[in-house]
């Protein structure tokens, strides 16, 4: 004899999925980043909006290797007027980033605090 069971989940018992929308926006302008630091929750994303007339390339720290937070690298190169969003940031940590085209200039460096 075989016995089968049915498991029912109540409201709120199913795992939550990461947010597909952006939790914060960082503007890249001719004068730098605004804000330079944002705080989001684990599972969220950040949008970068380029309001400058030239392109910018958003990359994860450290400079040259870009390995700290790979989800930041999904932004890539932003043409003038373009916006792009990071991948889902899945680990609580601080993610440094910079404009690869201006990697030694602190005007183009910032942080995403993931809590």
N, C-alpha and C. Protein backbone atom coordinates (compact mmCIF):
# COMPACT_ATOMS: atom_id res chain seq x y z
N UNK A 1 0.83 -1.17 0.00
CA UNK A 1 0.00 0.00 0.00
C UNK A 1 0.89 1.24 0.00
N UNK A 2 0.58 2.21 -0.81
CA UNK A 2 1.37 3.43 -0.93
C UNK A 2 0.55 4.60 -0.37
N UNK A 3 1.21 5.43 0.44
CA UNK A 3 0.55 6.59 1.00
C UNK A 3 1.20 7.84 0.42
N UNK A 4 0.41 8.71 -0.11
CA UNK A 4 0.92 9.97 -0.67
C UNK A 4 0.44 11.12 0.19
N UNK A 5 1.31 12.09 0.36
CA UNK A 5 0.93 13.26 1.15
C UNK A 5 1.00 14.52 0.29
N UNK A 6 0.28 15.50 0.67
CA UNK A 6 0.27 16.79 -0.01
C UNK A 6 0.68 17.85 0.99
N UNK A 7 1.71 18.60 0.62
CA UNK A 7 2.18 19.67 1.49
C UNK A 7 1.63 20.98 0.97
N UNK A 8 0.97 21.72 1.84
CA UNK A 8 0.42 23.02 1.47
C UNK A 8 1.22 24.11 2.17
N UNK A 9 1.51 25.15 1.44
CA UNK A 9 2.21 26.29 2.01
C UNK A 9 1.22 27.41 2.23
N UNK A 10 1.29 28.00 3.40
CA UNK A 10 0.46 29.15 3.70
C UNK A 10 1.12 30.41 3.18
N UNK A 11 0.42 31.48 3.26
CA UNK A 11 0.93 32.77 2.81
C UNK A 11 2.22 33.10 3.56
N UNK A 12 3.27 33.41 2.81
CA UNK A 12 4.53 33.78 3.43
C UNK A 12 5.46 32.62 3.69
N UNK A 13 5.04 31.38 3.39
CA UNK A 13 5.89 30.23 3.64
C UNK A 13 6.79 29.88 2.47
N UNK A 14 6.58 30.47 1.33
CA UNK A 14 7.42 30.16 0.18
C UNK A 14 8.63 31.08 0.18
N UNK A 15 9.77 30.60 -0.34
CA UNK A 15 10.95 31.45 -0.34
C UNK A 15 10.75 32.67 -1.23
N UNK A 16 11.34 33.77 -0.82
CA UNK A 16 11.21 34.98 -1.63
C UNK A 16 12.29 35.00 -2.70
N UNK A 17 11.98 35.58 -3.83
CA UNK A 17 12.95 35.68 -4.91
C UNK A 17 13.56 37.07 -4.90
N UNK A 18 14.77 37.20 -5.48
CA UNK A 18 15.40 38.51 -5.51
C UNK A 18 14.57 39.53 -6.27
N UNK A 19 14.70 40.76 -5.88
CA UNK A 19 13.97 41.84 -6.52
C UNK A 19 14.55 42.10 -7.91
N UNK A 20 13.70 42.26 -8.91
CA UNK A 20 14.18 42.55 -10.25
C UNK A 20 14.26 44.05 -10.48
N UNK A 21 13.72 44.82 -9.55
CA UNK A 21 13.77 46.27 -9.71
C UNK A 21 14.95 46.83 -8.92
N UNK A 22 15.28 48.05 -9.21
CA UNK A 22 16.41 48.70 -8.58
C UNK A 22 16.01 49.28 -7.22
N UNK A 23 16.89 49.13 -6.24
CA UNK A 23 16.63 49.66 -4.91
C UNK A 23 17.22 51.05 -4.73
N UNK A 24 18.17 51.42 -5.58
CA UNK A 24 18.83 52.72 -5.48
C UNK A 24 19.34 53.12 -6.86
N UNK A 25 19.53 54.42 -7.04
CA UNK A 25 20.08 54.94 -8.29
C UNK A 25 21.28 55.82 -7.99
N UNK A 26 22.35 55.61 -8.75
CA UNK A 26 23.54 56.44 -8.68
C UNK A 26 23.65 57.17 -10.00
N UNK A 27 23.72 58.49 -9.94
CA UNK A 27 23.84 59.30 -11.14
C UNK A 27 25.30 59.60 -11.42
N UNK A 28 25.70 59.38 -12.67
CA UNK A 28 27.05 59.68 -13.12
C UNK A 28 26.94 60.94 -13.97
N UNK A 29 27.51 62.04 -13.47
CA UNK A 29 27.41 63.32 -14.20
C UNK A 29 28.81 63.82 -14.54
N UNK A 30 28.88 64.97 -15.16
CA UNK A 30 30.18 65.56 -15.52
C UNK A 30 31.02 65.88 -14.30
N UNK A 31 30.38 66.03 -13.14
CA UNK A 31 31.11 66.39 -11.92
C UNK A 31 31.37 65.20 -10.99
N UNK A 32 30.92 64.01 -11.34
CA UNK A 32 31.17 62.82 -10.54
C UNK A 32 29.92 62.03 -10.24
N UNK A 33 29.96 61.28 -9.14
CA UNK A 33 28.87 60.39 -8.75
C UNK A 33 27.99 61.03 -7.69
N UNK A 34 26.69 60.75 -7.77
CA UNK A 34 25.77 61.24 -6.74
C UNK A 34 24.65 60.24 -6.55
N UNK A 35 24.51 59.68 -5.37
CA UNK A 35 25.44 59.75 -4.25
C UNK A 35 26.64 58.85 -4.50
N UNK A 36 27.67 59.00 -3.70
CA UNK A 36 28.87 58.15 -3.83
C UNK A 36 28.71 56.83 -3.09
N UNK A 37 27.73 56.77 -2.19
CA UNK A 37 27.47 55.54 -1.45
C UNK A 37 25.98 55.34 -1.30
N UNK A 38 25.53 54.10 -1.54
CA UNK A 38 24.13 53.74 -1.31
C UNK A 38 24.10 52.48 -0.45
N UNK A 39 23.00 52.30 0.27
CA UNK A 39 22.80 51.10 1.08
C UNK A 39 21.56 50.40 0.57
N UNK A 40 21.70 49.09 0.31
CA UNK A 40 20.58 48.28 -0.16
C UNK A 40 20.53 47.00 0.66
N UNK A 41 19.48 46.21 0.45
CA UNK A 41 19.36 44.92 1.12
C UNK A 41 19.90 43.81 0.21
N UNK A 42 20.30 42.71 0.81
CA UNK A 42 20.72 41.53 0.06
C UNK A 42 19.60 41.16 -0.92
N UNK A 43 19.95 40.87 -2.15
CA UNK A 43 18.97 40.48 -3.16
C UNK A 43 18.48 41.64 -4.01
N UNK A 44 18.98 42.84 -3.77
CA UNK A 44 18.53 43.99 -4.55
C UNK A 44 19.59 44.39 -5.58
N UNK A 45 19.23 45.38 -6.41
CA UNK A 45 20.09 45.88 -7.48
C UNK A 45 20.23 47.39 -7.37
N UNK A 46 21.22 47.93 -8.09
CA UNK A 46 21.45 49.37 -8.13
C UNK A 46 21.50 49.80 -9.59
N UNK A 47 20.82 50.90 -9.90
CA UNK A 47 20.84 51.46 -11.25
C UNK A 47 21.86 52.59 -11.33
N UNK A 48 22.63 52.60 -12.40
CA UNK A 48 23.55 53.69 -12.70
C UNK A 48 22.99 54.44 -13.89
N UNK A 49 22.85 55.75 -13.75
CA UNK A 49 22.29 56.60 -14.80
C UNK A 49 23.36 57.61 -15.21
N UNK A 50 23.72 57.62 -16.50
CA UNK A 50 24.74 58.53 -17.01
C UNK A 50 24.08 59.78 -17.58
N UNK A 51 24.24 60.89 -16.87
CA UNK A 51 23.70 62.16 -17.35
C UNK A 51 24.80 63.02 -17.96
N UNK A 52 26.00 62.49 -18.04
CA UNK A 52 27.13 63.19 -18.64
C UNK A 52 27.03 63.11 -20.17
N UNK A 53 27.83 63.93 -20.85
CA UNK A 53 27.85 63.91 -22.32
C UNK A 53 28.87 62.92 -22.86
N UNK A 54 29.63 62.28 -21.97
CA UNK A 54 30.60 61.27 -22.41
C UNK A 54 30.32 59.94 -21.72
N UNK A 55 30.89 58.89 -22.25
CA UNK A 55 30.64 57.57 -21.69
C UNK A 55 31.46 57.32 -20.43
N UNK A 56 30.94 56.41 -19.60
CA UNK A 56 31.61 55.99 -18.38
C UNK A 56 31.49 54.46 -18.31
N UNK A 57 32.50 53.81 -17.73
CA UNK A 57 32.52 52.35 -17.62
C UNK A 57 32.54 51.96 -16.14
N UNK A 58 31.42 51.47 -15.64
CA UNK A 58 31.30 51.11 -14.22
C UNK A 58 31.87 49.71 -14.03
N UNK A 59 32.84 49.60 -13.09
CA UNK A 59 33.50 48.33 -12.80
C UNK A 59 33.64 48.15 -11.30
N UNK A 60 33.60 46.90 -10.89
CA UNK A 60 33.82 46.55 -9.48
C UNK A 60 35.29 46.78 -9.13
N UNK A 61 35.54 47.10 -7.86
CA UNK A 61 36.92 47.16 -7.39
C UNK A 61 37.46 45.74 -7.29
N UNK A 62 38.73 45.52 -7.14
CA UNK A 62 39.79 46.49 -7.24
C UNK A 62 40.06 46.88 -8.70
N UNK A 63 40.73 48.03 -8.86
CA UNK A 63 41.09 48.52 -10.19
C UNK A 63 41.87 47.44 -10.92
N UNK A 64 41.59 47.27 -12.17
CA UNK A 64 42.21 46.33 -13.11
C UNK A 64 41.68 44.90 -13.01
N UNK A 65 41.35 44.39 -11.81
CA UNK A 65 40.88 43.00 -11.75
C UNK A 65 39.36 42.90 -11.67
N UNK A 66 38.69 43.88 -11.06
CA UNK A 66 37.23 43.96 -11.03
C UNK A 66 36.56 42.71 -10.47
N UNK A 67 37.12 42.13 -9.42
CA UNK A 67 36.63 40.85 -8.89
C UNK A 67 35.83 40.95 -7.60
N UNK A 68 35.79 42.10 -6.97
CA UNK A 68 35.14 42.25 -5.66
C UNK A 68 33.67 41.85 -5.68
N UNK A 69 32.89 42.46 -6.53
CA UNK A 69 31.46 42.21 -6.63
C UNK A 69 31.09 42.10 -8.12
N UNK A 70 31.18 40.91 -8.68
CA UNK A 70 30.95 40.73 -10.12
C UNK A 70 29.61 41.29 -10.61
N UNK A 71 28.59 41.34 -9.76
CA UNK A 71 27.28 41.85 -10.19
C UNK A 71 27.36 43.31 -10.62
N UNK A 72 28.32 44.06 -10.07
CA UNK A 72 28.50 45.47 -10.46
C UNK A 72 28.99 45.55 -11.89
N UNK A 73 29.80 44.59 -12.32
CA UNK A 73 30.37 44.61 -13.67
C UNK A 73 29.30 44.49 -14.76
N UNK A 74 28.10 44.04 -14.40
CA UNK A 74 27.02 43.93 -15.39
C UNK A 74 26.58 45.29 -15.91
N UNK A 75 26.90 46.36 -15.20
CA UNK A 75 26.56 47.70 -15.68
C UNK A 75 27.37 48.00 -16.93
N UNK A 76 28.69 47.77 -16.88
CA UNK A 76 29.55 47.97 -18.04
C UNK A 76 29.63 49.43 -18.48
N UNK A 77 29.76 49.62 -19.78
CA UNK A 77 29.92 50.96 -20.34
C UNK A 77 28.57 51.62 -20.57
N UNK A 78 28.46 52.83 -20.05
CA UNK A 78 27.23 53.62 -20.19
C UNK A 78 27.48 54.76 -21.18
N UNK A 79 26.75 54.77 -22.27
CA UNK A 79 26.81 55.90 -23.19
C UNK A 79 26.11 57.09 -22.56
N UNK A 80 26.33 58.25 -23.09
CA UNK A 80 25.66 59.46 -22.60
C UNK A 80 24.15 59.23 -22.61
N UNK A 81 23.50 59.51 -21.48
CA UNK A 81 22.05 59.38 -21.37
C UNK A 81 21.55 57.97 -21.08
N UNK A 82 22.42 57.01 -20.98
CA UNK A 82 22.02 55.61 -20.79
C UNK A 82 21.98 55.23 -19.31
N UNK A 83 21.11 54.28 -18.97
CA UNK A 83 21.02 53.70 -17.62
C UNK A 83 21.15 52.20 -17.72
N UNK A 84 21.79 51.62 -16.71
CA UNK A 84 21.88 50.16 -16.61
C UNK A 84 21.86 49.78 -15.14
N UNK A 85 21.47 48.54 -14.89
CA UNK A 85 21.33 48.04 -13.53
C UNK A 85 22.34 46.93 -13.26
N UNK A 86 22.84 46.88 -12.04
CA UNK A 86 23.74 45.81 -11.62
C UNK A 86 22.98 44.49 -11.65
N UNK A 87 23.72 43.41 -11.53
CA UNK A 87 23.09 42.13 -11.25
C UNK A 87 22.61 42.15 -9.81
N UNK A 88 21.96 41.10 -9.39
CA UNK A 88 21.47 41.00 -8.02
C UNK A 88 22.68 40.86 -7.09
N UNK A 89 22.72 41.68 -6.06
CA UNK A 89 23.80 41.63 -5.08
C UNK A 89 23.35 40.71 -3.96
N UNK A 90 23.97 39.53 -3.88
CA UNK A 90 23.47 38.44 -3.05
C UNK A 90 24.20 38.23 -1.73
N UNK A 91 25.24 39.00 -1.47
CA UNK A 91 26.02 38.81 -0.25
C UNK A 91 26.11 40.12 0.53
N UNK A 92 25.89 40.04 1.84
CA UNK A 92 26.03 41.23 2.69
C UNK A 92 27.51 41.59 2.75
N UNK A 93 27.84 42.78 2.26
CA UNK A 93 29.22 43.26 2.20
C UNK A 93 29.24 44.66 1.64
N UNK A 94 30.41 45.26 1.54
CA UNK A 94 30.56 46.55 0.89
C UNK A 94 31.25 46.32 -0.44
N UNK A 95 30.62 46.81 -1.50
CA UNK A 95 31.15 46.66 -2.85
C UNK A 95 31.68 48.00 -3.35
N UNK A 96 32.97 48.10 -3.51
CA UNK A 96 33.55 49.29 -4.09
C UNK A 96 33.43 49.22 -5.61
N UNK A 97 33.31 50.39 -6.23
CA UNK A 97 33.26 50.44 -7.70
C UNK A 97 33.94 51.72 -8.17
N UNK A 98 34.26 51.76 -9.45
CA UNK A 98 34.92 52.92 -10.04
C UNK A 98 34.58 53.01 -11.52
N UNK A 99 34.86 54.16 -12.10
CA UNK A 99 34.73 54.34 -13.54
C UNK A 99 36.06 53.87 -14.14
N UNK A 100 36.02 52.80 -14.89
CA UNK A 100 37.23 52.22 -15.46
C UNK A 100 37.96 53.22 -16.37
N UNK A 101 37.23 54.16 -16.94
CA UNK A 101 37.85 55.17 -17.80
C UNK A 101 38.57 56.25 -16.98
N UNK A 102 38.29 56.33 -15.69
CA UNK A 102 38.90 57.32 -14.79
C UNK A 102 39.27 56.65 -13.46
N UNK A 103 39.90 55.50 -13.54
CA UNK A 103 40.05 54.63 -12.37
C UNK A 103 40.88 55.18 -11.21
N UNK A 104 41.74 56.14 -11.45
CA UNK A 104 42.56 56.69 -10.36
C UNK A 104 42.02 58.00 -9.79
N UNK A 105 40.91 58.48 -10.33
CA UNK A 105 40.31 59.73 -9.88
C UNK A 105 39.22 59.43 -8.85
N UNK A 106 39.37 59.90 -7.59
CA UNK A 106 38.39 59.60 -6.55
C UNK A 106 36.99 60.16 -6.85
N UNK A 107 36.90 61.10 -7.78
CA UNK A 107 35.59 61.65 -8.17
C UNK A 107 34.69 60.55 -8.74
N UNK A 108 35.28 59.52 -9.28
CA UNK A 108 34.55 58.46 -9.98
C UNK A 108 34.55 57.15 -9.21
N UNK A 109 34.73 57.20 -7.89
CA UNK A 109 34.73 56.00 -7.06
C UNK A 109 33.58 56.05 -6.07
N UNK A 110 33.01 54.89 -5.76
CA UNK A 110 31.90 54.86 -4.80
C UNK A 110 31.78 53.50 -4.14
N UNK A 111 30.70 53.36 -3.35
CA UNK A 111 30.48 52.11 -2.61
C UNK A 111 29.00 51.77 -2.58
N UNK A 112 28.74 50.47 -2.64
CA UNK A 112 27.39 49.94 -2.44
C UNK A 112 27.48 49.08 -1.18
N UNK A 113 26.74 49.48 -0.15
CA UNK A 113 26.70 48.71 1.10
C UNK A 113 25.50 47.79 1.01
N UNK A 114 25.76 46.48 1.05
CA UNK A 114 24.70 45.48 0.95
C UNK A 114 24.48 44.90 2.34
N UNK A 115 23.26 45.09 2.88
CA UNK A 115 22.97 44.62 4.25
C UNK A 115 21.93 43.53 4.26
